[in-house]
Amino acid sequence: MELAELIGLRVTVQGMLQVICLTSVAYWIIWIIYTRFFHPLARFPGPFWASVSRAWIVSSVAGGDPHGPQRLLHAQHGPIVRIAPNELAISDPDAIKVIYGVNSGFVKSDFYLFFRAPYTRYPDHFTVMDHKVHATRRRIVNGTYTMPVVLQSESYIDTCTNLLLRKFGQFADSGKSLDLFEWMRMYAYDVVGELYFSKMFGLMEAESDNLGVMKATDTLIPAMSMSGVMATYVRSLFKLSGALLAEIRQPIGALDGLAKAADIAVNAHIQNSAESTNISSPRTDFVFKLYKLHEEQGEKLDFQIEDIKLEAFAAYFAGSDTTSIHLSSTLYYIIRSPAIYGTLMNEIDQATNRGELSSPHLSYHEASRLPYLSACIREGARFHPSVALTMPRDVPAAGCTIAGKFIPGGFRVGINPSVMQLDTTVFGKDADEFNPDRWLTPDADKMNKYILQYGAGERNCMGKNIAMCEIYKLVPELLRSYRLKLEDADNSLQTSGLWLYKPAAMKIRIYRR
């Protein structure tokens, strides 16, 4: 190629690059002007970068503290703030019923798609977006998760509690400290194993994350959350880059192991059924109950073997961490306050002395009748909810009025529980303090309507009764057996908010009572 042609080619390439650069600059100038002044959500206040791109919300989630900046934004701008070009965060308590109420017309946004298990006949209850599909599929299994049915498995929870108390006794005798949050996680995971598969996963026995399941969720849930808040056009690239990393592939392998455990449990019940004229099982675990439902009404309800496996897998993935956060944070704030700790112990000891709490294991019904214990558990759910992001929904096509402002259809709105549940107009001037006494007032039932710990409306958590049974039974059982003391009670609890509002290590020492 001659020199003149090379020069001409160079000029052409430079010209193309200049056109591309100028086009990009012009696009962003036009886009910024549009989003700031002409966009349907332009009238709502918020950070500059949040109004022009999703970079602001992505960075806040990546930093592990999305709830902190959102609290400041609401304090500065009021109940509606713009956290992305097409998304608003709401802190108005009355908006809970509007957004999350039954038949509200708001549907889950595509944020939840990244939490969905692949290759399933129907989406799981947490990620399904279609209201009719959700209602139909939930109706099939709802009866399995009622409190009376959950309490049929109460003795299985006691089995897990026995092991936890034995392990805590070893720590008491050795004088070594332990991480309360880590142990509550191991307990919650093992309870799921015992309830669904008739066998604990073995985390407490190993005193470690021996299967890698906790590490799996610690890696994958933040990645899923990051994907969910990103702009649509970069999500696929983000997922592809993650799939190439060993740090992502290894947790996926751990979850595959749990999926196989679900397969084995279901297949065992199939074999038991084939070998007997009666549907029988040495243990009526949750997989057995779901399999019995399949046997009796599977064809009529379109409830197949694959659906049982999904229920079992989802129970681990969706329920363990939320329960352990509620359980550990409640215990943390109880033992951090000598006054609260003393009042609760007085109630537990007096009830035990009066014979109102059975031994060696108290029942859920006995524990639920203790008013101060109930107040502490409810306050734990309020003060430290398990989720630290907004729970996004798409506004119905006709639009909707929220906090006195009309919001057009198709945009995303949501309420952050860790923001809303500190609202002073609902919970009082001391809303930013852990105070169980607020639940002993006449306004307690009214306040309860504003708690989003286990969701709201028709999309509330189906496993709530399992979590409540665990928490109500374990807290008094643990406290009447051992005295717990924080190693560092002077400093505030450190947290991270990559979807789950996880506490940092809670170092405690155990003493026998």
Protein backbone atom coordinates (compact mmCIF):
# COMPACT_ATOMS: atom_id res chain seq x y z
CA MET A 1 0.00 0.00 0.00
CA GLU A 2 1.41 3.36 -1.04
CA LEU A 3 2.05 6.24 1.33
CA ALA A 4 -0.87 8.28 0.05
CA GLU A 5 -3.26 5.39 0.67
CA LEU A 6 -1.91 4.90 4.20
CA ILE A 7 -2.38 8.56 4.96
CA GLY A 8 -5.89 8.43 3.56
CA LEU A 9 -6.74 5.37 5.64
CA ARG A 10 -5.38 7.03 8.76
CA VAL A 11 -7.43 10.12 8.11
CA THR A 12 -10.51 7.97 7.59
CA VAL A 13 -9.98 6.06 10.88
CA GLN A 14 -9.37 9.29 12.77
CA GLY A 15 -12.49 10.74 11.27
CA MET A 16 -14.54 7.73 12.30
CA LEU A 17 -13.19 7.91 15.85
CA GLN A 18 -14.00 11.59 16.03
CA VAL A 19 -17.53 10.93 14.81
CA ILE A 20 -17.93 8.18 17.40
CA CYS A 21 -16.61 10.42 20.20
CA LEU A 22 -18.76 13.36 19.17
CA THR A 23 -21.80 11.12 18.85
CA SER A 24 -21.20 9.66 22.31
CA VAL A 25 -20.70 13.11 23.86
CA ALA A 26 -23.83 14.41 22.12
CA TYR A 27 -25.82 11.36 23.27
CA TRP A 28 -24.82 11.83 26.91
CA ILE A 29 -25.47 15.56 26.81
CA ILE A 30 -28.95 14.95 25.40
CA TRP A 31 -29.55 12.07 27.83
CA ILE A 32 -28.49 14.12 30.85
CA ILE A 33 -30.66 17.06 29.81
CA TYR A 34 -33.60 14.69 29.28
CA THR A 35 -33.24 12.80 32.57
CA ARG A 36 -32.68 15.98 34.56
CA PHE A 37 -35.42 18.14 33.10
CA PHE A 38 -37.86 16.21 30.88
CA HIS A 39 -37.93 12.65 32.21
CA PRO A 40 -41.24 11.69 33.94
CA LEU A 41 -39.29 11.21 37.20
CA ALA A 42 -37.22 14.40 36.85
CA ARG A 43 -39.31 16.21 39.48
CA PHE A 44 -38.23 13.81 42.22
CA PRO A 45 -35.09 14.74 44.18
CA GLY A 46 -31.99 12.60 44.51
CA PRO A 47 -28.27 12.47 43.76
CA PHE A 48 -27.19 13.83 40.37
CA TRP A 49 -25.58 10.58 39.28
CA ALA A 50 -28.65 8.61 40.30
CA SER A 51 -30.75 10.67 37.92
CA VAL A 52 -28.55 10.06 34.87
CA SER A 53 -27.38 6.44 35.30
CA ARG A 54 -27.61 3.39 37.53
CA ALA A 55 -23.99 3.92 38.58
CA TRP A 56 -25.07 5.51 41.88
CA ILE A 57 -27.16 2.56 43.07
CA VAL A 58 -24.62 0.03 41.78
CA SER A 59 -21.84 1.73 43.73
CA SER A 60 -23.94 1.95 46.89
CA VAL A 61 -24.73 -1.75 46.74
CA ALA A 62 -21.13 -2.65 45.89
CA GLY A 63 -20.03 -0.65 48.93
CA GLY A 64 -22.23 -2.78 51.18
CA ASP A 65 -24.16 0.16 52.61
CA PRO A 66 -27.15 1.05 50.41
CA HIS A 67 -29.36 1.62 53.44
CA GLY A 68 -27.12 4.32 54.92
CA PRO A 69 -27.21 6.73 51.95
CA GLN A 70 -30.93 6.07 51.47
CA ARG A 71 -31.66 7.05 55.06
CA LEU A 72 -29.77 10.31 54.54
CA LEU A 73 -31.58 10.99 51.26
CA HIS A 74 -35.00 10.55 52.86
CA ALA A 75 -34.00 12.71 55.81
CA GLN A 76 -32.97 15.44 53.38
CA HIS A 77 -35.61 15.15 50.64
CA GLY A 78 -38.65 13.42 52.14
CA PRO A 79 -40.55 10.19 51.45
CA ILE A 80 -39.73 9.87 47.72
CA VAL A 81 -36.19 9.97 46.35
CA ARG A 82 -34.79 9.04 42.97
CA ILE A 83 -32.11 6.35 43.18
CA ALA A 84 -31.84 5.57 39.45
CA PRO A 85 -33.18 7.16 36.25
CA ASN A 86 -36.24 4.89 36.32
CA GLU A 87 -36.44 4.03 40.03
CA LEU A 88 -37.72 5.65 43.22
CA ALA A 89 -37.17 4.70 46.84
CA ILE A 90 -40.17 5.27 49.10
CA SER A 91 -40.16 5.72 52.88
CA ASP A 92 -43.81 6.68 53.44
CA PRO A 93 -45.32 4.05 55.80
CA ASP A 94 -48.72 4.25 54.11
CA ALA A 95 -47.08 3.21 50.83
CA ILE A 96 -46.61 -0.35 52.13
CA LYS A 97 -50.24 -1.20 51.50
CA VAL A 98 -50.24 0.65 48.17
CA ILE A 99 -47.18 -1.14 46.79
CA TYR A 100 -47.22 -4.52 48.53
CA GLY A 101 -50.87 -4.95 49.45
CA VAL A 102 -53.08 -7.73 48.14
CA ASN A 103 -54.28 -7.00 44.59
CA SER A 104 -52.16 -3.85 44.47
CA GLY A 105 -51.34 -4.37 40.79
CA PHE A 106 -47.62 -3.84 41.43
CA VAL A 107 -45.48 -6.73 40.15
CA LYS A 108 -41.96 -7.74 41.07
CA SER A 109 -39.38 -6.08 38.86
CA ASP A 110 -36.74 -7.88 36.83
CA PHE A 111 -34.35 -7.38 39.77
CA TYR A 112 -35.51 -10.76 41.09
CA LEU A 113 -34.76 -12.71 37.92
CA PHE A 114 -31.14 -13.18 38.94
CA PHE A 115 -32.18 -15.08 42.08
CA ARG A 116 -34.19 -17.61 40.07
CA ALA A 117 -33.13 -21.23 39.98
CA PRO A 118 -32.51 -22.34 36.38
CA TYR A 119 -34.25 -25.17 34.55
CA THR A 120 -37.46 -25.28 36.62
CA ARG A 121 -40.98 -25.96 35.40
CA TYR A 122 -42.29 -22.88 37.20
CA PRO A 123 -40.45 -20.01 38.87
CA ASP A 124 -40.01 -20.37 42.62
CA HIS A 125 -42.27 -18.39 44.98
CA PHE A 126 -39.65 -15.71 45.61
CA THR A 127 -38.82 -14.81 42.00
CA VAL A 128 -42.09 -15.43 40.14
CA MET A 129 -43.37 -12.18 38.62
CA ASP A 130 -46.79 -13.18 37.31
CA HIS A 131 -49.43 -12.73 40.03
CA LYS A 132 -51.69 -15.49 38.73
CA VAL A 133 -48.87 -18.01 38.49
CA HIS A 134 -47.67 -17.06 41.98
CA ALA A 135 -51.14 -17.39 43.50
CA THR A 136 -51.80 -20.73 41.78
CA ARG A 137 -48.47 -22.34 42.67
CA ARG A 138 -48.46 -21.00 46.22
CA ARG A 139 -51.98 -22.24 46.86
CA ILE A 140 -50.79 -25.80 46.17
CA VAL A 141 -48.26 -25.90 49.01
CA ASN A 142 -49.60 -23.27 51.41
CA GLY A 143 -51.07 -25.85 53.75
CA THR A 144 -47.65 -27.41 54.29
CA TYR A 145 -46.33 -24.20 55.85
CA THR A 146 -49.11 -23.37 58.30
CA MET A 147 -48.04 -23.15 61.93
CA PRO A 148 -49.96 -26.29 63.02
CA VAL A 149 -48.18 -28.32 60.33
CA VAL A 150 -44.80 -26.77 61.16
CA LEU A 151 -45.29 -27.66 64.81
CA GLN A 152 -45.64 -31.32 63.85
CA SER A 153 -41.88 -31.13 63.27
CA GLU A 154 -41.10 -29.31 66.52
CA SER A 155 -39.14 -32.24 67.90
CA TYR A 156 -36.81 -32.11 64.90
CA ILE A 157 -35.92 -28.52 65.77
CA ASP A 158 -35.25 -29.74 69.32
CA THR A 159 -32.72 -32.20 67.90
CA CYS A 160 -30.78 -29.32 66.37
CA THR A 161 -31.08 -27.29 69.58
CA ASN A 162 -29.64 -30.21 71.57
CA LEU A 163 -26.54 -30.18 69.41
CA LEU A 164 -26.16 -26.40 69.62
CA LEU A 165 -26.45 -26.43 73.42
CA ARG A 166 -23.88 -29.23 73.65
CA LYS A 167 -21.45 -27.29 71.47
CA PHE A 168 -21.99 -24.12 73.47
CA GLY A 169 -21.29 -26.09 76.63
CA GLN A 170 -17.91 -27.06 75.21
CA PHE A 171 -17.12 -23.41 74.54
CA ALA A 172 -18.19 -22.54 78.08
CA ASP A 173 -15.90 -25.19 79.55
CA SER A 174 -12.94 -24.22 77.36
CA GLY A 175 -13.32 -20.47 77.92
CA LYS A 176 -12.98 -19.82 74.19
CA SER A 177 -15.04 -17.17 72.42
CA LEU A 178 -17.25 -17.81 69.40
CA ASP A 179 -18.93 -15.86 66.62
CA LEU A 180 -22.63 -15.77 67.48
CA PHE A 181 -23.72 -14.91 63.92
CA GLU A 182 -21.70 -17.75 62.43
CA TRP A 183 -23.21 -20.24 64.86
CA MET A 184 -26.74 -19.00 64.30
CA ARG A 185 -26.16 -19.45 60.56
CA MET A 186 -24.91 -23.00 61.05
CA TYR A 187 -27.90 -23.70 63.30
CA ALA A 188 -30.40 -22.33 60.76
CA TYR A 189 -28.87 -24.32 57.90
CA ASP A 190 -28.85 -27.52 59.95
CA VAL A 191 -32.50 -26.98 60.90
CA VAL A 192 -33.39 -26.82 57.20
CA GLY A 193 -31.54 -30.08 56.66
CA GLU A 194 -33.32 -31.74 59.57
CA LEU A 195 -36.77 -30.46 58.59
CA TYR A 196 -36.56 -31.15 54.87
CA PHE A 197 -34.13 -34.04 54.50
CA SER A 198 -34.38 -35.72 57.94
CA LYS A 199 -30.67 -35.07 58.38
CA MET A 200 -28.68 -32.02 59.38
CA PHE A 201 -26.13 -30.75 56.88
CA GLY A 202 -23.47 -31.28 59.56
CA LEU A 203 -22.25 -27.70 59.94
CA MET A 204 -22.64 -27.53 63.73
CA GLU A 205 -21.04 -30.92 64.22
CA ALA A 206 -18.06 -29.87 62.10
CA GLU A 207 -18.08 -26.42 63.75
CA SER A 208 -17.45 -24.97 60.31
CA ASP A 209 -18.88 -24.41 56.86
CA ASN A 210 -17.81 -27.92 55.92
CA LEU A 211 -19.94 -28.05 52.75
CA GLY A 212 -19.11 -24.56 51.58
CA VAL A 213 -22.79 -23.59 51.57
CA MET A 214 -22.36 -20.42 53.63
CA LYS A 215 -19.50 -19.31 51.42
CA ALA A 216 -21.69 -20.04 48.41
CA THR A 217 -24.42 -17.66 49.52
CA ASP A 218 -21.86 -15.07 50.67
CA THR A 219 -20.52 -15.01 47.13
CA LEU A 220 -23.58 -15.56 44.97
CA ILE A 221 -26.21 -13.40 46.67
CA PRO A 222 -24.11 -10.22 46.41
CA ALA A 223 -23.38 -11.07 42.76
CA MET A 224 -27.08 -11.58 42.11
CA SER A 225 -27.91 -8.30 43.84
CA MET A 226 -25.32 -6.46 41.80
CA SER A 227 -26.76 -7.93 38.60
CA GLY A 228 -30.26 -6.93 39.61
CA VAL A 229 -29.43 -3.25 40.12
CA MET A 230 -27.30 -2.90 36.99
CA ALA A 231 -28.48 -1.43 33.73
CA THR A 232 -30.04 -4.08 31.49
CA TYR A 233 -27.43 -3.74 28.75
CA VAL A 234 -24.50 -4.68 31.04
CA ARG A 235 -26.09 -7.51 33.01
CA SER A 236 -25.27 -10.28 30.54
CA LEU A 237 -21.64 -9.19 30.36
CA PHE A 238 -21.44 -9.10 34.16
CA LYS A 239 -22.89 -12.60 34.45
CA LEU A 240 -20.54 -13.93 31.77
CA SER A 241 -17.49 -12.45 33.45
CA GLY A 242 -18.60 -13.95 36.77
CA ALA A 243 -19.01 -17.41 35.25
CA LEU A 244 -15.35 -17.29 34.16
CA LEU A 245 -14.10 -16.69 37.70
CA ALA A 246 -13.18 -19.57 39.99
CA GLU A 247 -14.55 -17.55 42.92
CA ILE A 248 -17.99 -17.83 41.33
CA ARG A 249 -17.75 -21.37 39.92
CA GLN A 250 -16.86 -22.87 43.29
CA PRO A 251 -19.97 -21.56 45.13
CA ILE A 252 -22.14 -22.68 42.22
CA GLY A 253 -20.68 -26.16 42.74
CA ALA A 254 -21.65 -26.04 46.43
CA LEU A 255 -25.22 -25.14 45.53
CA ASP A 256 -25.28 -27.93 42.99
CA GLY A 257 -24.47 -30.24 45.90
CA LEU A 258 -27.55 -28.98 47.75
CA ALA A 259 -29.67 -29.50 44.64
CA LYS A 260 -28.42 -33.09 44.51
CA ALA A 261 -29.32 -33.51 48.19
CA ALA A 262 -32.85 -32.44 47.32
CA ASP A 263 -32.90 -34.97 44.49
CA ILE A 264 -31.73 -37.77 46.79
CA ALA A 265 -34.35 -36.98 49.44
CA VAL A 266 -37.19 -36.92 46.94
CA ASN A 267 -35.99 -40.09 45.21
CA ALA A 268 -35.85 -41.87 48.58
CA HIS A 269 -39.54 -41.14 49.14
CA ILE A 270 -40.33 -42.38 45.65
CA GLN A 271 -38.57 -45.65 46.46
CA ASN A 272 -40.35 -45.98 49.81
CA SER A 273 -43.68 -45.50 48.06
CA ALA A 274 -42.87 -48.07 45.42
CA GLU A 275 -41.91 -50.66 48.03
CA SER A 276 -45.03 -50.24 50.13
CA THR A 277 -48.75 -50.25 49.49
CA ASN A 278 -49.00 -47.40 51.96
CA ILE A 279 -47.15 -44.12 51.71
CA SER A 280 -44.84 -44.42 54.66
CA SER A 281 -41.68 -42.87 55.93
CA PRO A 282 -39.69 -43.20 59.12
CA ARG A 283 -39.80 -39.42 59.31
CA THR A 284 -42.54 -37.11 58.10
CA ASP A 285 -40.14 -34.39 57.01
CA PHE A 286 -41.23 -31.59 54.70
CA VAL A 287 -40.08 -33.45 51.60
CA PHE A 288 -42.29 -36.36 52.64
CA LYS A 289 -45.26 -34.04 53.16
CA LEU A 290 -44.73 -32.51 49.73
CA TYR A 291 -44.29 -35.93 48.17
CA LYS A 292 -47.52 -37.10 49.78
CA LEU A 293 -49.23 -34.08 48.25
CA HIS A 294 -47.81 -35.07 44.88
CA GLU A 295 -48.99 -38.67 45.31
CA GLU A 296 -52.52 -37.70 46.21
CA GLN A 297 -53.15 -34.64 44.05
CA GLY A 298 -50.12 -34.18 41.82
CA GLU A 299 -51.93 -34.75 38.54
CA LYS A 300 -54.87 -32.59 39.50
CA LEU A 301 -52.71 -29.73 40.81
CA ASP A 302 -49.88 -30.07 38.28
CA PHE A 303 -47.45 -30.65 41.13
CA GLN A 304 -44.65 -32.86 39.91
CA ILE A 305 -41.44 -34.34 41.32
CA GLU A 306 -39.40 -31.45 39.95
CA ASP A 307 -41.59 -29.04 41.91
CA ILE A 308 -40.86 -30.88 45.17
CA LYS A 309 -37.14 -30.61 44.51
CA LEU A 310 -37.49 -26.88 43.87
CA GLU A 311 -39.35 -26.41 47.18
CA ALA A 312 -36.61 -28.24 49.05
CA PHE A 313 -33.81 -26.32 47.37
CA ALA A 314 -35.55 -22.96 47.80
CA ALA A 315 -36.03 -23.62 51.52
CA TYR A 316 -32.28 -23.71 51.99
CA PHE A 317 -31.48 -20.83 49.69
CA ALA A 318 -34.20 -18.43 50.81
CA GLY A 319 -34.73 -19.25 54.46
CA SER A 320 -31.49 -19.96 56.26
CA ASP A 321 -29.76 -16.58 56.15
CA THR A 322 -32.88 -14.50 56.79
CA THR A 323 -33.66 -16.61 59.88
CA SER A 324 -30.10 -16.47 61.19
CA ILE A 325 -29.94 -12.68 60.77
CA HIS A 326 -33.17 -12.22 62.73
CA LEU A 327 -32.05 -14.69 65.38
CA SER A 328 -28.49 -13.43 65.87
CA SER A 329 -29.30 -9.71 65.76
CA THR A 330 -32.10 -10.16 68.30
CA LEU A 331 -29.77 -12.02 70.65
CA TYR A 332 -27.03 -9.45 70.08
CA TYR A 333 -29.15 -6.48 71.12
CA ILE A 334 -30.60 -8.37 74.07
CA ILE A 335 -27.24 -9.24 75.58
CA ARG A 336 -25.78 -5.83 74.73
CA SER A 337 -28.27 -4.14 77.08
CA PRO A 338 -28.02 -5.28 80.73
CA ALA A 339 -31.51 -3.88 81.45
CA ILE A 340 -33.16 -5.74 78.56
CA TYR A 341 -31.18 -8.90 79.26
CA GLY A 342 -32.13 -8.80 82.93
CA THR A 343 -35.84 -8.22 82.26
CA LEU A 344 -35.99 -11.08 79.77
CA MET A 345 -34.10 -13.49 82.03
CA ASN A 346 -36.43 -12.64 84.91
CA GLU A 347 -39.42 -13.51 82.71
CA ILE A 348 -37.87 -16.77 81.50
CA ASP A 349 -36.74 -17.88 84.97
CA GLN A 350 -40.07 -17.09 86.60
CA ALA A 351 -41.99 -18.92 83.89
CA THR A 352 -39.66 -21.91 84.28
CA ASN A 353 -40.09 -21.94 88.07
CA ARG A 354 -43.87 -21.81 87.67
CA GLY A 355 -43.73 -24.82 85.37
CA GLU A 356 -44.92 -22.82 82.37
CA LEU A 357 -41.84 -23.70 80.29
CA SER A 358 -41.23 -27.40 79.80
CA SER A 359 -37.85 -29.05 80.33
CA PRO A 360 -35.58 -30.15 78.75
CA HIS A 361 -37.27 -28.47 75.77
CA LEU A 362 -39.89 -25.77 75.89
CA SER A 363 -42.55 -25.64 73.20
CA TYR A 364 -43.31 -22.90 70.72
CA HIS A 365 -46.70 -22.29 72.28
CA GLU A 366 -45.16 -21.92 75.74
CA ALA A 367 -42.54 -19.46 74.49
CA SER A 368 -45.01 -17.43 72.44
CA ARG A 369 -46.99 -16.68 75.61
CA LEU A 370 -44.05 -14.79 77.15
CA PRO A 371 -44.84 -11.12 76.47
CA TYR A 372 -41.35 -9.67 76.91
CA LEU A 373 -39.75 -12.41 74.81
CA SER A 374 -42.28 -11.68 72.05
CA ALA A 375 -41.48 -7.97 72.36
CA CYS A 376 -37.74 -8.65 71.97
CA ILE A 377 -38.26 -10.83 68.90
CA ARG A 378 -40.58 -8.30 67.27
CA GLU A 379 -38.13 -5.51 68.04
CA GLY A 380 -35.32 -7.57 66.52
CA ALA A 381 -37.29 -7.87 63.29
CA ARG A 382 -37.95 -4.11 63.30
CA PHE A 383 -34.56 -2.81 64.31
CA HIS A 384 -32.45 -5.12 62.16
CA PRO A 385 -34.47 -6.53 59.25
CA SER A 386 -32.85 -9.17 57.07
CA VAL A 387 -32.96 -7.05 53.89
CA ALA A 388 -31.12 -3.75 53.30
CA LEU A 389 -32.28 -2.91 49.76
CA THR A 390 -35.58 -1.67 48.43
CA MET A 391 -37.88 -4.51 47.43
CA PRO A 392 -38.58 -3.21 43.92
CA ARG A 393 -41.92 -3.39 42.15
CA ASP A 394 -43.09 -2.10 38.77
CA VAL A 395 -45.84 0.52 38.91
CA PRO A 396 -49.07 -0.57 37.13
CA ALA A 397 -49.57 0.81 33.62
CA ALA A 398 -52.22 3.29 34.80
CA GLY A 399 -49.82 4.82 37.31
CA CYS A 400 -50.42 5.36 41.01
CA THR A 401 -50.37 8.09 43.65
CA ILE A 402 -47.85 7.50 46.44
CA ALA A 403 -47.19 9.95 49.28
CA GLY A 404 -49.33 12.49 47.46
CA LYS A 405 -47.32 12.27 44.22
CA PHE A 406 -48.48 10.67 40.98
CA ILE A 407 -46.00 8.16 39.57
CA PRO A 408 -46.48 7.04 35.95
CA GLY A 409 -46.79 3.37 35.10
CA GLY A 410 -43.83 1.19 34.18
CA PHE A 411 -41.31 2.74 36.55
CA ARG A 412 -39.77 0.97 39.52
CA VAL A 413 -40.54 1.78 43.15
CA GLY A 414 -39.69 0.07 46.40
CA ILE A 415 -39.37 0.39 50.16
CA ASN A 416 -36.20 -0.40 52.07
CA PRO A 417 -37.17 -2.14 55.35
CA SER A 418 -34.00 -0.95 57.08
CA VAL A 419 -35.03 2.63 56.29
CA MET A 420 -38.79 2.53 56.79
CA GLN A 421 -38.66 0.57 60.05
CA LEU A 422 -36.82 3.45 61.71
CA ASP A 423 -39.64 5.86 60.91
CA THR A 424 -40.31 8.01 63.97
CA THR A 425 -43.92 8.76 62.98
CA VAL A 426 -44.73 5.07 63.39
CA PHE A 427 -42.27 3.78 65.98
CA GLY A 428 -41.71 6.86 68.11
CA LYS A 429 -38.90 9.32 68.69
CA ASP A 430 -36.60 6.52 69.87
CA ALA A 431 -37.05 4.54 66.62
CA ASP A 432 -33.27 4.40 66.18
CA GLU A 433 -32.90 2.51 69.46
CA PHE A 434 -33.51 -1.15 70.31
CA ASN A 435 -36.42 -0.90 72.74
CA PRO A 436 -38.70 -3.94 73.18
CA ASP A 437 -41.02 -1.95 75.45
CA ARG A 438 -42.58 -0.28 72.41
CA TRP A 439 -44.28 -3.62 71.63
CA LEU A 440 -45.94 -3.72 75.05
CA THR A 441 -48.02 -0.61 74.33
CA PRO A 442 -51.58 -0.41 72.95
CA ASP A 443 -50.14 0.68 69.58
CA ALA A 444 -48.23 -2.57 69.08
CA ASP A 445 -50.67 -4.11 66.60
CA LYS A 446 -50.80 -0.87 64.63
CA MET A 447 -46.99 -0.79 64.38
CA ASN A 448 -46.87 -4.40 63.27
CA LYS A 449 -48.47 -3.42 59.94
CA TYR A 450 -45.26 -1.57 59.04
CA ILE A 451 -42.84 -4.45 59.56
CA LEU A 452 -41.42 -5.90 56.35
CA GLN A 453 -39.07 -8.49 57.83
CA TYR A 454 -40.94 -11.31 56.09
CA GLY A 455 -42.49 -9.29 53.29
CA ALA A 456 -46.06 -8.08 53.04
CA GLY A 457 -49.36 -8.83 51.37
CA GLU A 458 -49.68 -11.78 49.04
CA ARG A 459 -45.89 -12.00 48.59
CA ASN A 460 -45.03 -12.47 52.25
CA CYS A 461 -42.52 -15.20 53.09
CA MET A 462 -44.10 -18.62 53.11
CA GLY A 463 -41.44 -19.96 55.49
CA LYS A 464 -42.15 -17.35 58.16
CA ASN A 465 -43.74 -19.89 60.51
CA ILE A 466 -40.66 -22.11 60.37
CA ALA A 467 -38.45 -19.13 61.23
CA MET A 468 -40.73 -18.03 64.07
CA CYS A 469 -40.80 -21.53 65.52
CA GLU A 470 -37.00 -21.68 65.51
CA ILE A 471 -36.52 -18.23 67.04
CA TYR A 472 -39.19 -18.49 69.74
CA LYS A 473 -37.86 -21.86 70.85
CA LEU A 474 -34.12 -21.21 70.69
CA VAL A 475 -33.81 -17.77 72.33
CA PRO A 476 -35.26 -18.73 75.75
CA GLU A 477 -33.74 -22.22 75.59
CA LEU A 478 -30.28 -20.79 75.03
CA LEU A 479 -30.59 -18.00 77.60
CA ARG A 480 -31.85 -20.20 80.41
CA SER A 481 -28.96 -22.63 79.84
CA TYR A 482 -26.07 -20.17 79.42
CA ARG A 483 -25.07 -16.62 80.19
CA LEU A 484 -23.83 -14.82 77.08
CA LYS A 485 -21.45 -11.88 77.13
CA LEU A 486 -20.25 -9.71 74.25
CA GLU A 487 -16.49 -9.29 73.99
CA ASP A 488 -16.95 -5.77 72.59
CA ALA A 489 -20.20 -4.26 73.81
CA ASP A 490 -18.99 -0.67 73.54
CA ASN A 491 -18.79 -0.43 69.74
CA SER A 492 -21.78 -0.54 67.42
CA LEU A 493 -22.48 -3.58 65.29
CA GLN A 494 -20.87 -3.48 61.85
CA THR A 495 -23.04 -4.58 58.95
CA SER A 496 -23.07 -5.07 55.19
CA GLY A 497 -26.08 -4.62 52.92
CA LEU A 498 -25.61 -6.59 49.71
CA TRP A 499 -29.34 -7.49 49.66
CA LEU A 500 -29.09 -9.34 52.99
CA TYR A 501 -28.50 -6.99 55.93
CA LYS A 502 -25.75 -9.12 57.41
CA PRO A 503 -24.04 -8.36 60.70
CA ALA A 504 -20.29 -8.70 61.04
CA ALA A 505 -18.75 -11.09 63.56
CA MET A 506 -20.44 -11.08 66.97
CA LYS A 507 -17.75 -12.32 69.32
CA ILE A 508 -19.21 -13.62 72.59
CA ARG A 509 -18.18 -15.75 75.55
CA ILE A 510 -20.37 -18.47 77.06
CA TYR A 511 -20.84 -19.23 80.76
CA ARG A 512 -22.91 -21.99 82.31
CA ARG A 513 -25.79 -20.87 84.51
